């Protein structure tokens, strides 16, 4: 019995050490959430453009190529619900903010906030970006321990990335993430079919997320901030597989949101200025494609709104 207690105590001690180590890791090592939350404060005084959205904007819009000071607050799998939480938190701190770039993607109007790829991220939004998602009970132990949030495999991958790169953040201090080159496995016709299968939920019910978008736009009107609604570019491999009915409805919704001189619409979804070599995979621009896209959006702002 004594041996069992000793062995059990030793085993529990190892678990405790590992747990504390992982907790310190997630609390101290820079990631996309902590980096964006830290450096957006540096943009409060002079940024004129704020970029929201999901991974398409995260990897596709580089503030370095805008004609005015900009900050990218988008993130991987970020829905308009989180766009609104972050915008509401930071908007009053900006001194010169004139434009909000609000991407509307194929998934935007129907994406659920409890989606499996987003649900675990809510803990990081709360702990490291200071927003209240209202999804996490105060009795949920994960609210107080980030070590318990990601799957163990993700934690192992994160630690491996840190050991090789010295960080687990994918973004620069202006919030932009980088994909280099073309991944031929994930930038292909087969990959396009698979990606659409993961994105397509079959829903045409835009009501909830449409309201959130309208709420963001309304707040921008109150703050005299112009809104650029944008459909980010994708490869032909992706575009060829979307529902034409859903895509037409998205375009119609975007057009209806426009207000002369206040809300503008830029549709780059199948823009001829892009080719499949501008993309890392079927729906994310690489650094060269992002440079091209950023200049196009910057020129659009300059031409339409100044």
Foldseek 3Di string as FASTA:
>chain_A
DVVVVVVVVVVVVVVVVVQVVLQCCVVPFDALLQLLLPLVLVQQEFAAEEEEEAQQCQAFADQVQFPGRYAYPYYHPDALLVVLQLCVVCVVSHDRHAEYEAEDELQHLPDDCCPVVRVLVVLCCCPRNPGDPVPDDPPDVCNVGVSPRDDPVVSVVQVVCCVVPVHSYQADSRSHGADDWADVVQADLVNLVVVVVVRDPPDLPRPPSLVSVVVVLVVCVVVNHAYEYEYRAFECSNVVPDDPVSVVVSVVSQVVSDDQQGYHYYYRHPPPVDHSRQPRGGRHGHPVNSSVSNNVVSVCCVVRHD
